[in-house]
Amino acid sequence: MGIQWEQLPQSLRDDVEMHLGVVIKAAAPARGHTAGAGVRLLHENRRSTWLKACPTGHPIARIYERERRIGLILPVAVPAPRMQWSSTAHGWIAMAHTFIDGRTADLSPGSPDVPKALKTVASLGDLLTPCPPGAPPLLGHVRNLVGKAHSLLDDLDTMRSTDRAIYTEVLDGFDPGTLTGTTLLHFTLYPGVLRMVGPNATGPATLILDWGFACQGPAWVEPVMFAPWLICAGHSPQRTESMLTDLAVWQSAPDDQVTRMIALWTLLHRYKAAVGPTSARAAHEHAARAGRAWLGHRIS
């Protein structure tokens, strides 16, 4: 369980209440959160916010700080909860967004959420180009992915030699520095950050949460990093690529770079399945199988 409202420093809680209103109820919604604080606050002025906070020295502080900075520059037109307040005082990185009462997107075949989610993903390229100033480049993320990929490929016990040969060939000569662009990317779109709001809610049908990995890069990277989750949900690689073909941003994607990013996405989940928390390993193994199926479709 993450850090609760009552466990936060009194000075931080006072700051929250001074800017957003006295808190009359605090609860952690079922969707959970990371090791920091993730709490729904109900204020006496009937405002409802989602508070995220972590100590400045915490290992995930850089992710919180990036999300806080992105919240300051994210265009109003983007379908995302608005950041109402943020702070780096009190030894904590904290931010409060409008709380969205909805549900996680269902990406399974036949779900009405699928076309809505794809439409939202497709819209981001236009809404976030040019990239607002202040976002870090994609290069840092890709170098991290390449590092994890090579740590797996160098471990002769982690995968079959045939798989190792395939990944090595796909990534041979890959230069992360070539992935430049002028679009702000969420970069980690998956069902859990796609919040579906009901027909009586104000705003778009799909809202995008958690911008802690946002970066600047080419617009086509967004659908590539999202598409494996469609395969995880039950779509075939062929059907997934067919759906992507309808997206203008996909049509400009270079085939070789797309294949390399799929390989990196897959190896990331293989890495997490090997070294991540035991409770999450099965989910990462499932994701890695989906990514490998897509990679196999493209290189067959």
C-alpha atoms as a PDB file:
ATOM      1  CA  MET A   1       0.000   0.000   0.000  1.00  0.00           C
ATOM      2  CA  GLY A   2       1.257   3.485  -0.818  1.00  0.00           C
ATOM      3  CA  ILE A   3       1.658   6.436   1.504  1.00  0.00           C
ATOM      4  CA  GLN A   4      -1.643   7.619   2.976  1.00  0.00           C
ATOM      5  CA  TRP A   5      -2.905  11.188   3.441  1.00  0.00           C
ATOM      6  CA  GLU A   6      -2.396  11.054   7.213  1.00  0.00           C
ATOM      7  CA  GLN A   7       1.237  10.007   6.740  1.00  0.00           C
ATOM      8  CA  LEU A   8       2.163  13.089   4.729  1.00  0.00           C
ATOM      9  CA  PRO A   9       3.970  15.930   6.528  1.00  0.00           C
ATOM     10  CA  GLN A  10       1.598  18.341   8.220  1.00  0.00           C
ATOM     11  CA  SER A  11       3.151  21.259   6.332  1.00  0.00           C
ATOM     12  CA  LEU A  12       2.375  19.568   3.006  1.00  0.00           C
ATOM     13  CA  ARG A  13      -1.212  18.801   4.017  1.00  0.00           C
ATOM     14  CA  ASP A  14      -1.662  22.406   5.125  1.00  0.00           C
ATOM     15  CA  ASP A  15      -0.372  23.583   1.749  1.00  0.00           C
ATOM     16  CA  VAL A  16      -2.809  21.325  -0.101  1.00  0.00           C
ATOM     17  CA  GLU A  17      -5.757  22.587   1.954  1.00  0.00           C
ATOM     18  CA  MET A  18      -4.746  26.219   1.604  1.00  0.00           C
ATOM     19  CA  HIS A  19      -4.764  25.982  -2.190  1.00  0.00           C
ATOM     20  CA  LEU A  20      -7.508  23.422  -2.832  1.00  0.00           C
ATOM     21  CA  GLY A  21      -9.793  23.521   0.204  1.00  0.00           C
ATOM     22  CA  VAL A  22     -10.098  21.699   3.505  1.00  0.00           C
ATOM     23  CA  VAL A  23     -10.014  17.918   3.070  1.00  0.00           C
ATOM     24  CA  ILE A  24     -13.053  16.183   4.553  1.00  0.00           C
ATOM     25  CA  LYS A  25     -12.298  12.699   3.206  1.00  0.00           C
ATOM     26  CA  ALA A  26      -9.244  10.905   1.807  1.00  0.00           C
ATOM     27  CA  ALA A  27      -9.293   7.483   0.173  1.00  0.00           C
ATOM     28  CA  ALA A  28      -7.126   5.405  -2.165  1.00  0.00           C
ATOM     29  CA  PRO A  29      -9.293   4.300  -5.137  1.00  0.00           C
ATOM     30  CA  ALA A  30      -9.275   0.694  -6.309  1.00  0.00           C
ATOM     31  CA  ARG A  31      -6.979   1.468  -9.226  1.00  0.00           C
ATOM     32  CA  GLY A  32      -4.144   1.798  -6.740  1.00  0.00           C
ATOM     33  CA  HIS A  33      -0.869   3.608  -7.172  1.00  0.00           C
ATOM     34  CA  THR A  34       2.893   3.264  -6.950  1.00  0.00           C
ATOM     35  CA  ALA A  35       5.135   3.412  -3.901  1.00  0.00           C
ATOM     36  CA  GLY A  36       4.422   7.116  -3.383  1.00  0.00           C
ATOM     37  CA  ALA A  37       1.177   8.649  -2.220  1.00  0.00           C
ATOM     38  CA  GLY A  38      -1.856   8.243  -4.469  1.00  0.00           C
ATOM     39  CA  VAL A  39      -4.979   9.491  -2.743  1.00  0.00           C
ATOM     40  CA  ARG A  40      -8.401  10.772  -3.759  1.00  0.00           C
ATOM     41  CA  LEU A  41      -9.283  13.875  -1.770  1.00  0.00           C
ATOM     42  CA  LEU A  42     -12.756  15.270  -1.250  1.00  0.00           C
ATOM     43  CA  HIS A  43     -12.657  18.912  -0.229  1.00  0.00           C
ATOM     44  CA  GLU A  44     -15.252  20.887   1.689  1.00  0.00           C
ATOM     45  CA  ASN A  45     -15.885  23.023  -1.419  1.00  0.00           C
ATOM     46  CA  ARG A  46     -17.007  19.773  -3.154  1.00  0.00           C
ATOM     47  CA  ARG A  47     -13.892  19.713  -5.304  1.00  0.00           C
ATOM     48  CA  SER A  48     -12.448  16.200  -5.795  1.00  0.00           C
ATOM     49  CA  THR A  49      -8.764  15.799  -6.582  1.00  0.00           C
ATOM     50  CA  TRP A  50      -6.222  13.031  -7.069  1.00  0.00           C
ATOM     51  CA  LEU A  51      -3.095  13.773  -5.040  1.00  0.00           C
ATOM     52  CA  LYS A  52       0.250  12.233  -5.957  1.00  0.00           C
ATOM     53  CA  ALA A  53       3.327  12.813  -3.820  1.00  0.00           C
ATOM     54  CA  CYS A  54       6.694  11.290  -2.971  1.00  0.00           C
ATOM     55  CA  PRO A  55       9.777  12.391  -1.021  1.00  0.00           C
ATOM     56  CA  THR A  56      12.361  14.213  -3.140  1.00  0.00           C
ATOM     57  CA  GLY A  57      14.921  11.503  -2.361  1.00  0.00           C
ATOM     58  CA  HIS A  58      12.678   8.601  -3.402  1.00  0.00           C
ATOM     59  CA  PRO A  59      13.792   6.455  -6.392  1.00  0.00           C
ATOM     60  CA  ILE A  60      10.647   7.432  -8.326  1.00  0.00           C
ATOM     61  CA  ALA A  61      10.972  11.162  -7.575  1.00  0.00           C
ATOM     62  CA  ARG A  62      12.275  11.901 -11.081  1.00  0.00           C
ATOM     63  CA  ILE A  63       9.104  10.403 -12.577  1.00  0.00           C
ATOM     64  CA  TYR A  64       6.910  12.519 -10.309  1.00  0.00           C
ATOM     65  CA  GLU A  65       8.910  15.629 -11.116  1.00  0.00           C
ATOM     66  CA  ARG A  66       8.608  14.992 -14.841  1.00  0.00           C
ATOM     67  CA  GLU A  67       4.849  14.546 -14.523  1.00  0.00           C
ATOM     68  CA  ARG A  68       4.613  17.753 -12.495  1.00  0.00           C
ATOM     69  CA  ARG A  69       6.568  19.675 -15.141  1.00  0.00           C
ATOM     70  CA  ILE A  70       4.485  18.215 -17.970  1.00  0.00           C
ATOM     71  CA  GLY A  71       1.343  19.227 -16.078  1.00  0.00           C
ATOM     72  CA  LEU A  72       2.536  22.830 -16.261  1.00  0.00           C
ATOM     73  CA  ILE A  73       2.928  22.780 -20.059  1.00  0.00           C
ATOM     74  CA  LEU A  74       0.279  20.295 -21.242  1.00  0.00           C
ATOM     75  CA  PRO A  75      -2.068  22.055 -23.694  1.00  0.00           C
ATOM     76  CA  VAL A  76      -5.652  22.476 -22.511  1.00  0.00           C
ATOM     77  CA  ALA A  77      -6.978  20.691 -25.609  1.00  0.00           C
ATOM     78  CA  VAL A  78      -5.293  17.417 -24.637  1.00  0.00           C
ATOM     79  CA  PRO A  79      -7.796  14.912 -23.181  1.00  0.00           C
ATOM     80  CA  ALA A  80      -6.230  14.625 -19.736  1.00  0.00           C
ATOM     81  CA  PRO A  81      -7.139  15.604 -16.170  1.00  0.00           C
ATOM     82  CA  ARG A  82      -5.973  19.137 -15.420  1.00  0.00           C
ATOM     83  CA  MET A  83      -3.315  19.691 -12.773  1.00  0.00           C
ATOM     84  CA  GLN A  84      -4.860  21.981 -10.151  1.00  0.00           C
ATOM     85  CA  TRP A  85      -1.814  22.517  -7.943  1.00  0.00           C
ATOM     86  CA  SER A  86       1.761  21.350  -7.488  1.00  0.00           C
ATOM     87  CA  SER A  87       4.661  21.861  -5.112  1.00  0.00           C
ATOM     88  CA  THR A  88       8.303  20.898  -4.592  1.00  0.00           C
ATOM     89  CA  ALA A  89       8.386  22.308  -1.055  1.00  0.00           C
ATOM     90  CA  HIS A  90       8.378  20.407   2.266  1.00  0.00           C
ATOM     91  CA  GLY A  91      10.908  17.857   0.950  1.00  0.00           C
ATOM     92  CA  TRP A  92       8.241  16.346  -1.314  1.00  0.00           C
ATOM     93  CA  ILE A  93       7.209  16.460  -4.960  1.00  0.00           C
ATOM     94  CA  ALA A  94       3.433  16.757  -4.959  1.00  0.00           C
ATOM     95  CA  MET A  95       0.669  17.492  -7.441  1.00  0.00           C
ATOM     96  CA  ALA A  96      -3.106  17.368  -7.510  1.00  0.00           C
ATOM     97  CA  HIS A  97      -5.187  16.733 -10.611  1.00  0.00           C
ATOM     98  CA  THR A  98      -8.928  16.823 -11.129  1.00  0.00           C
ATOM     99  CA  PHE A  99     -10.162  13.390 -10.054  1.00  0.00           C
ATOM    100  CA  ILE A 100     -11.704  11.402 -12.903  1.00  0.00           C
ATOM    101  CA  ASP A 101     -14.341   8.880 -11.873  1.00  0.00           C
ATOM    102  CA  GLY A 102     -14.327   6.393 -14.726  1.00  0.00           C
ATOM    103  CA  ARG A 103     -13.065   2.944 -15.644  1.00  0.00           C
ATOM    104  CA  THR A 104     -10.042   1.386 -17.286  1.00  0.00           C
ATOM    105  CA  ALA A 105     -10.269   0.973 -21.058  1.00  0.00           C
ATOM    106  CA  ASP A 106     -11.321  -2.455 -22.356  1.00  0.00           C
ATOM    107  CA  LEU A 107      -9.232  -3.155 -25.471  1.00  0.00           C
ATOM    108  CA  SER A 108     -10.576  -6.645 -26.188  1.00  0.00           C
ATOM    109  CA  PRO A 109     -11.974  -7.471 -29.664  1.00  0.00           C
ATOM    110  CA  GLY A 110     -15.460  -6.063 -30.127  1.00  0.00           C
ATOM    111  CA  SER A 111     -15.210  -3.570 -27.272  1.00  0.00           C
ATOM    112  CA  PRO A 112     -16.568  -0.090 -28.097  1.00  0.00           C
ATOM    113  CA  ASP A 113     -13.563   1.298 -26.196  1.00  0.00           C
ATOM    114  CA  VAL A 114     -11.160   0.227 -28.952  1.00  0.00           C
ATOM    115  CA  PRO A 115     -12.151   2.766 -31.642  1.00  0.00           C
ATOM    116  CA  LYS A 116     -12.417   5.489 -28.983  1.00  0.00           C
ATOM    117  CA  ALA A 117      -8.949   4.724 -27.674  1.00  0.00           C
ATOM    118  CA  LEU A 118      -7.476   4.624 -31.171  1.00  0.00           C
ATOM    119  CA  LYS A 119      -9.115   7.928 -32.029  1.00  0.00           C
ATOM    120  CA  THR A 120      -7.626   9.495 -28.914  1.00  0.00           C
ATOM    121  CA  VAL A 121      -4.153   8.109 -29.664  1.00  0.00           C
ATOM    122  CA  ALA A 122      -4.422   9.370 -33.239  1.00  0.00           C
ATOM    123  CA  SER A 123      -5.373  12.868 -32.068  1.00  0.00           C
ATOM    124  CA  LEU A 124      -2.311  13.330 -29.875  1.00  0.00           C
ATOM    125  CA  GLY A 125       0.052  13.952 -32.779  1.00  0.00           C
ATOM    126  CA  ASP A 126      -1.914  17.020 -33.869  1.00  0.00           C
ATOM    127  CA  LEU A 127      -2.609  18.263 -30.344  1.00  0.00           C
ATOM    128  CA  LEU A 128       0.989  17.928 -29.173  1.00  0.00           C
ATOM    129  CA  THR A 129       2.912  19.126 -32.217  1.00  0.00           C
ATOM    130  CA  PRO A 130       4.919  21.273 -31.894  1.00  0.00           C
ATOM    131  CA  CYS A 131       6.064  20.005 -28.508  1.00  0.00           C
ATOM    132  CA  PRO A 132       5.606  22.535 -25.699  1.00  0.00           C
ATOM    133  CA  PRO A 133       9.009  23.738 -24.448  1.00  0.00           C
ATOM    134  CA  GLY A 134      10.489  21.862 -21.511  1.00  0.00           C
ATOM    135  CA  ALA A 135       9.948  18.192 -22.371  1.00  0.00           C
ATOM    136  CA  PRO A 136      13.045  15.944 -22.326  1.00  0.00           C
ATOM    137  CA  PRO A 137      13.978  14.086 -25.525  1.00  0.00           C
ATOM    138  CA  LEU A 138      12.928  10.520 -26.282  1.00  0.00           C
ATOM    139  CA  LEU A 139      16.608   9.574 -26.477  1.00  0.00           C
ATOM    140  CA  GLY A 140      16.898   9.000 -22.721  1.00  0.00           C
ATOM    141  CA  HIS A 141      14.077   6.431 -22.696  1.00  0.00           C
ATOM    142  CA  VAL A 142      15.371   4.622 -25.767  1.00  0.00           C
ATOM    143  CA  ARG A 143      18.904   4.375 -24.401  1.00  0.00           C
ATOM    144  CA  ASN A 144      17.424   2.846 -21.249  1.00  0.00           C
ATOM    145  CA  LEU A 145      15.476   0.318 -23.341  1.00  0.00           C
ATOM    146  CA  VAL A 146      18.575  -0.540 -25.371  1.00  0.00           C
ATOM    147  CA  GLY A 147      20.543  -1.080 -22.170  1.00  0.00           C
ATOM    148  CA  LYS A 148      17.961  -3.505 -20.787  1.00  0.00           C
ATOM    149  CA  ALA A 149      17.751  -5.264 -24.142  1.00  0.00           C
ATOM    150  CA  HIS A 150      21.486  -5.889 -24.264  1.00  0.00           C
ATOM    151  CA  SER A 151      21.567  -7.073 -20.655  1.00  0.00           C
ATOM    152  CA  LEU A 152      19.103  -9.793 -21.687  1.00  0.00           C
ATOM    153  CA  LEU A 153      20.808 -10.646 -24.955  1.00  0.00           C
ATOM    154  CA  ASP A 154      24.166 -10.954 -23.214  1.00  0.00           C
ATOM    155  CA  ASP A 155      22.731 -13.436 -20.691  1.00  0.00           C
ATOM    156  CA  LEU A 156      22.880 -16.793 -22.445  1.00  0.00           C
ATOM    157  CA  ASP A 157      20.401 -18.360 -20.001  1.00  0.00           C
ATOM    158  CA  THR A 158      17.463 -15.997 -20.596  1.00  0.00           C
ATOM    159  CA  MET A 159      16.190 -17.019 -24.038  1.00  0.00           C
ATOM    160  CA  ARG A 160      16.553 -19.479 -26.851  1.00  0.00           C
ATOM    161  CA  SER A 161      19.446 -18.946 -29.238  1.00  0.00           C
ATOM    162  CA  THR A 162      17.012 -18.524 -32.153  1.00  0.00           C
ATOM    163  CA  ASP A 163      15.208 -15.680 -30.372  1.00  0.00           C
ATOM    164  CA  ARG A 164      18.496 -14.092 -29.405  1.00  0.00           C
ATOM    165  CA  ALA A 165      19.614 -14.172 -33.038  1.00  0.00           C
ATOM    166  CA  ILE A 166      16.362 -12.526 -34.183  1.00  0.00           C
ATOM    167  CA  TYR A 167      16.568  -9.670 -31.675  1.00  0.00           C
ATOM    168  CA  THR A 168      20.257  -9.156 -32.340  1.00  0.00           C
ATOM    169  CA  GLU A 169      19.647  -8.902 -36.072  1.00  0.00           C
ATOM    170  CA  VAL A 170      16.706  -6.507 -35.677  1.00  0.00           C
ATOM    171  CA  LEU A 171      18.672  -4.194 -33.378  1.00  0.00           C
ATOM    172  CA  ASP A 172      21.941  -4.405 -35.289  1.00  0.00           C
ATOM    173  CA  GLY A 173      23.135  -0.921 -36.202  1.00  0.00           C
ATOM    174  CA  PHE A 174      20.311   0.816 -34.351  1.00  0.00           C
ATOM    175  CA  ASP A 175      21.193   4.409 -33.435  1.00  0.00           C
ATOM    176  CA  PRO A 176      18.780   5.813 -30.788  1.00  0.00           C
ATOM    177  CA  GLY A 177      19.889   9.292 -31.767  1.00  0.00           C
ATOM    178  CA  THR A 178      17.970   8.990 -35.035  1.00  0.00           C
ATOM    179  CA  LEU A 179      14.625   8.999 -33.169  1.00  0.00           C
ATOM    180  CA  THR A 180      14.089  12.735 -33.152  1.00  0.00           C
ATOM    181  CA  GLY A 181      10.862  14.641 -33.601  1.00  0.00           C
ATOM    182  CA  THR A 182       8.776  17.619 -32.562  1.00  0.00           C
ATOM    183  CA  THR A 183       5.853  15.903 -30.811  1.00  0.00           C
ATOM    184  CA  LEU A 184       5.180  15.548 -27.097  1.00  0.00           C
ATOM    185  CA  LEU A 185       4.703  11.822 -26.451  1.00  0.00           C
ATOM    186  CA  HIS A 186       3.009  10.193 -23.479  1.00  0.00           C
ATOM    187  CA  PHE A 187       5.176   7.159 -24.325  1.00  0.00           C
ATOM    188  CA  THR A 188       3.574   4.685 -21.898  1.00  0.00           C
ATOM    189  CA  LEU A 189       0.001   4.373 -23.107  1.00  0.00           C
ATOM    190  CA  TYR A 190      -1.602   1.167 -21.801  1.00  0.00           C
ATOM    191  CA  PRO A 191      -5.154   0.316 -20.665  1.00  0.00           C
ATOM    192  CA  GLY A 192      -4.550   1.447 -17.085  1.00  0.00           C
ATOM    193  CA  VAL A 193      -3.826   5.047 -18.103  1.00  0.00           C
ATOM    194  CA  LEU A 194      -6.771   5.267 -20.501  1.00  0.00           C
ATOM    195  CA  ARG A 195      -9.740   6.391 -18.407  1.00  0.00           C
ATOM    196  CA  MET A 196     -13.129   5.892 -19.993  1.00  0.00           C
ATOM    197  CA  VAL A 197     -15.730   8.382 -18.819  1.00  0.00           C
ATOM    198  CA  GLY A 198     -19.447   7.729 -19.058  1.00  0.00           C
ATOM    199  CA  PRO A 199     -21.920   9.367 -21.440  1.00  0.00           C
ATOM    200  CA  ASN A 200     -23.083  11.782 -18.754  1.00  0.00           C
ATOM    201  CA  ALA A 201     -19.578  12.990 -17.913  1.00  0.00           C
ATOM    202  CA  THR A 202     -18.284  16.287 -19.197  1.00  0.00           C
ATOM    203  CA  GLY A 203     -15.464  16.067 -21.710  1.00  0.00           C
ATOM    204  CA  PRO A 204     -14.085  13.455 -24.107  1.00  0.00           C
ATOM    205  CA  ALA A 205     -14.838   9.758 -23.845  1.00  0.00           C
ATOM    206  CA  THR A 206     -11.194   8.822 -23.210  1.00  0.00           C
ATOM    207  CA  LEU A 207      -8.861  10.674 -20.863  1.00  0.00           C
ATOM    208  CA  ILE A 208      -5.145   9.971 -20.549  1.00  0.00           C
ATOM    209  CA  LEU A 209      -3.599   9.786 -17.082  1.00  0.00           C
ATOM    210  CA  ASP A 210      -0.046   9.615 -15.688  1.00  0.00           C
ATOM    211  CA  TRP A 211       2.352  11.641 -17.847  1.00  0.00           C
ATOM    212  CA  GLY A 212       5.476  10.799 -15.840  1.00  0.00           C
ATOM    213  CA  PHE A 213       7.354   9.367 -18.857  1.00  0.00           C
ATOM    214  CA  ALA A 214       6.381  12.071 -21.363  1.00  0.00           C
ATOM    215  CA  CYS A 215       9.092  13.114 -23.791  1.00  0.00           C
ATOM    216  CA  GLN A 216       9.710  14.741 -27.169  1.00  0.00           C
ATOM    217  CA  GLY A 217      10.081  12.578 -30.260  1.00  0.00           C
ATOM    218  CA  PRO A 218       8.504  11.498 -33.559  1.00  0.00           C
ATOM    219  CA  ALA A 219       4.714  11.248 -33.472  1.00  0.00           C
ATOM    220  CA  TRP A 220       4.628   7.679 -34.855  1.00  0.00           C
ATOM    221  CA  VAL A 221       6.249   6.318 -31.689  1.00  0.00           C
ATOM    222  CA  GLU A 222       3.001   6.784 -29.725  1.00  0.00           C
ATOM    223  CA  PRO A 223       0.855   4.251 -31.635  1.00  0.00           C
ATOM    224  CA  VAL A 224       3.800   1.824 -31.822  1.00  0.00           C
ATOM    225  CA  MET A 225       4.165   1.788 -28.026  1.00  0.00           C
ATOM    226  CA  PHE A 226       0.381   1.477 -27.605  1.00  0.00           C
ATOM    227  CA  ALA A 227      -0.398  -1.219 -30.188  1.00  0.00           C
ATOM    228  CA  PRO A 228       1.087  -4.242 -28.343  1.00  0.00           C
ATOM    229  CA  TRP A 229      -1.594  -3.789 -25.694  1.00  0.00           C
ATOM    230  CA  LEU A 230      -4.203  -4.479 -28.365  1.00  0.00           C
ATOM    231  CA  ILE A 231      -2.487  -7.803 -29.023  1.00  0.00           C
ATOM    232  CA  CYS A 232      -2.347  -8.457 -25.274  1.00  0.00           C
ATOM    233  CA  ALA A 233      -6.115  -7.933 -25.215  1.00  0.00           C
ATOM    234  CA  GLY A 234      -6.744 -10.560 -27.886  1.00  0.00           C
ATOM    235  CA  HIS A 235      -6.321  -8.895 -31.290  1.00  0.00           C
ATOM    236  CA  SER A 236      -4.094 -10.636 -33.806  1.00  0.00           C
ATOM    237  CA  PRO A 237      -0.971  -8.822 -35.061  1.00  0.00           C
ATOM    238  CA  GLN A 238      -2.568  -8.685 -38.510  1.00  0.00           C
ATOM    239  CA  ARG A 239      -5.744  -7.076 -37.158  1.00  0.00           C
ATOM    240  CA  THR A 240      -3.725  -4.683 -35.029  1.00  0.00           C
ATOM    241  CA  GLU A 241      -1.736  -3.416 -37.999  1.00  0.00           C
ATOM    242  CA  SER A 242      -4.942  -3.133 -39.999  1.00  0.00           C
ATOM    243  CA  MET A 243      -6.401  -0.836 -37.337  1.00  0.00           C
ATOM    244  CA  LEU A 244      -3.203   1.210 -37.224  1.00  0.00           C
ATOM    245  CA  THR A 245      -3.295   1.689 -40.995  1.00  0.00           C
ATOM    246  CA  ASP A 246      -6.287   3.980 -40.534  1.00  0.00           C
ATOM    247  CA  LEU A 247      -4.174   6.372 -38.434  1.00  0.00           C
ATOM    248  CA  ALA A 248      -2.451   9.123 -40.416  1.00  0.00           C
ATOM    249  CA  VAL A 249       0.430   9.213 -37.946  1.00  0.00           C
ATOM    250  CA  TRP A 250       1.127   5.514 -38.539  1.00  0.00           C
ATOM    251  CA  GLN A 251       1.412   6.009 -42.290  1.00  0.00           C
ATOM    252  CA  SER A 252       4.562   8.097 -41.815  1.00  0.00           C
ATOM    253  CA  ALA A 253       6.298   5.525 -39.599  1.00  0.00           C
ATOM    254  CA  PRO A 254       9.534   4.043 -41.034  1.00  0.00           C
ATOM    255  CA  ASP A 255       9.206   0.248 -41.142  1.00  0.00           C
ATOM    256  CA  ASP A 256      12.679  -0.551 -39.829  1.00  0.00           C
ATOM    257  CA  GLN A 257      12.366   1.812 -36.866  1.00  0.00           C
ATOM    258  CA  VAL A 258       8.897   0.487 -36.020  1.00  0.00           C
ATOM    259  CA  THR A 259      10.251  -3.069 -35.940  1.00  0.00           C
ATOM    260  CA  ARG A 260      13.134  -2.007 -33.700  1.00  0.00           C
ATOM    261  CA  MET A 261      10.817  -0.252 -31.253  1.00  0.00           C
ATOM    262  CA  ILE A 262       8.605  -3.365 -31.112  1.00  0.00           C
ATOM    263  CA  ALA A 263      11.688  -5.437 -30.310  1.00  0.00           C
ATOM    264  CA  LEU A 264      12.714  -3.019 -27.547  1.00  0.00           C
ATOM    265  CA  TRP A 265       9.165  -2.981 -26.106  1.00  0.00           C
ATOM    266  CA  THR A 266       9.134  -6.791 -26.050  1.00  0.00           C
ATOM    267  CA  LEU A 267      12.574  -7.107 -24.481  1.00  0.00           C
ATOM    268  CA  LEU A 268      11.619  -4.555 -21.820  1.00  0.00           C
ATOM    269  CA  HIS A 269       8.768  -6.800 -20.697  1.00  0.00           C
ATOM    270  CA  ARG A 270      10.981  -9.887 -20.851  1.00  0.00           C
ATOM    271  CA  TYR A 271      13.426  -8.011 -18.631  1.00  0.00           C
ATOM    272  CA  LYS A 272      10.684  -7.051 -16.147  1.00  0.00           C
ATOM    273  CA  ALA A 273       9.376 -10.609 -16.165  1.00  0.00           C
ATOM    274  CA  ALA A 274      12.849 -11.778 -15.170  1.00  0.00           C
ATOM    275  CA  VAL A 275      13.802  -9.187 -12.535  1.00  0.00           C
ATOM    276  CA  GLY A 276      10.617  -7.328 -11.593  1.00  0.00           C
ATOM    277  CA  PRO A 277       8.332  -7.913  -8.593  1.00  0.00           C
ATOM    278  CA  THR A 278       7.096 -11.504  -8.469  1.00  0.00           C
ATOM    279  CA  SER A 279       3.454 -10.368  -8.402  1.00  0.00           C
ATOM    280  CA  ALA A 280       3.830  -8.637 -11.782  1.00  0.00           C
ATOM    281  CA  ARG A 281       5.957 -11.177 -13.636  1.00  0.00           C
ATOM    282  CA  ALA A 282       3.085 -13.126 -15.192  1.00  0.00           C
ATOM    283  CA  ALA A 283       1.623  -9.910 -16.644  1.00  0.00           C
ATOM    284  CA  HIS A 284       4.988  -8.956 -18.128  1.00  0.00           C
ATOM    285  CA  GLU A 285       5.418 -12.433 -19.580  1.00  0.00           C
ATOM    286  CA  HIS A 286       2.014 -12.103 -21.253  1.00  0.00           C
ATOM    287  CA  ALA A 287       2.988  -8.696 -22.641  1.00  0.00           C
ATOM    288  CA  ALA A 288       6.299 -10.057 -23.921  1.00  0.00           C
ATOM    289  CA  ARG A 289       4.494 -12.879 -25.760  1.00  0.00           C
ATOM    290  CA  ALA A 290       2.229 -10.319 -27.430  1.00  0.00           C
ATOM    291  CA  GLY A 291       5.190  -8.208 -28.497  1.00  0.00           C
ATOM    292  CA  ARG A 292       7.024 -11.275 -29.812  1.00  0.00           C
ATOM    293  CA  ALA A 293       3.960 -12.265 -31.841  1.00  0.00           C
ATOM    294  CA  TRP A 294       3.875  -8.825 -33.477  1.00  0.00           C
ATOM    295  CA  LEU A 295       7.611  -8.901 -34.126  1.00  0.00           C
ATOM    296  CA  GLY A 296       7.282 -12.363 -35.678  1.00  0.00           C
ATOM    297  CA  HIS A 297       4.494 -11.110 -37.956  1.00  0.00           C
ATOM    298  CA  ARG A 298       6.647  -8.250 -39.222  1.00  0.00           C
ATOM    299  CA  ILE A 299       9.804 -10.238 -39.915  1.00  0.00           C
ATOM    300  CA  SER A 300       8.180 -13.391 -41.313  1.00  0.00           C
END
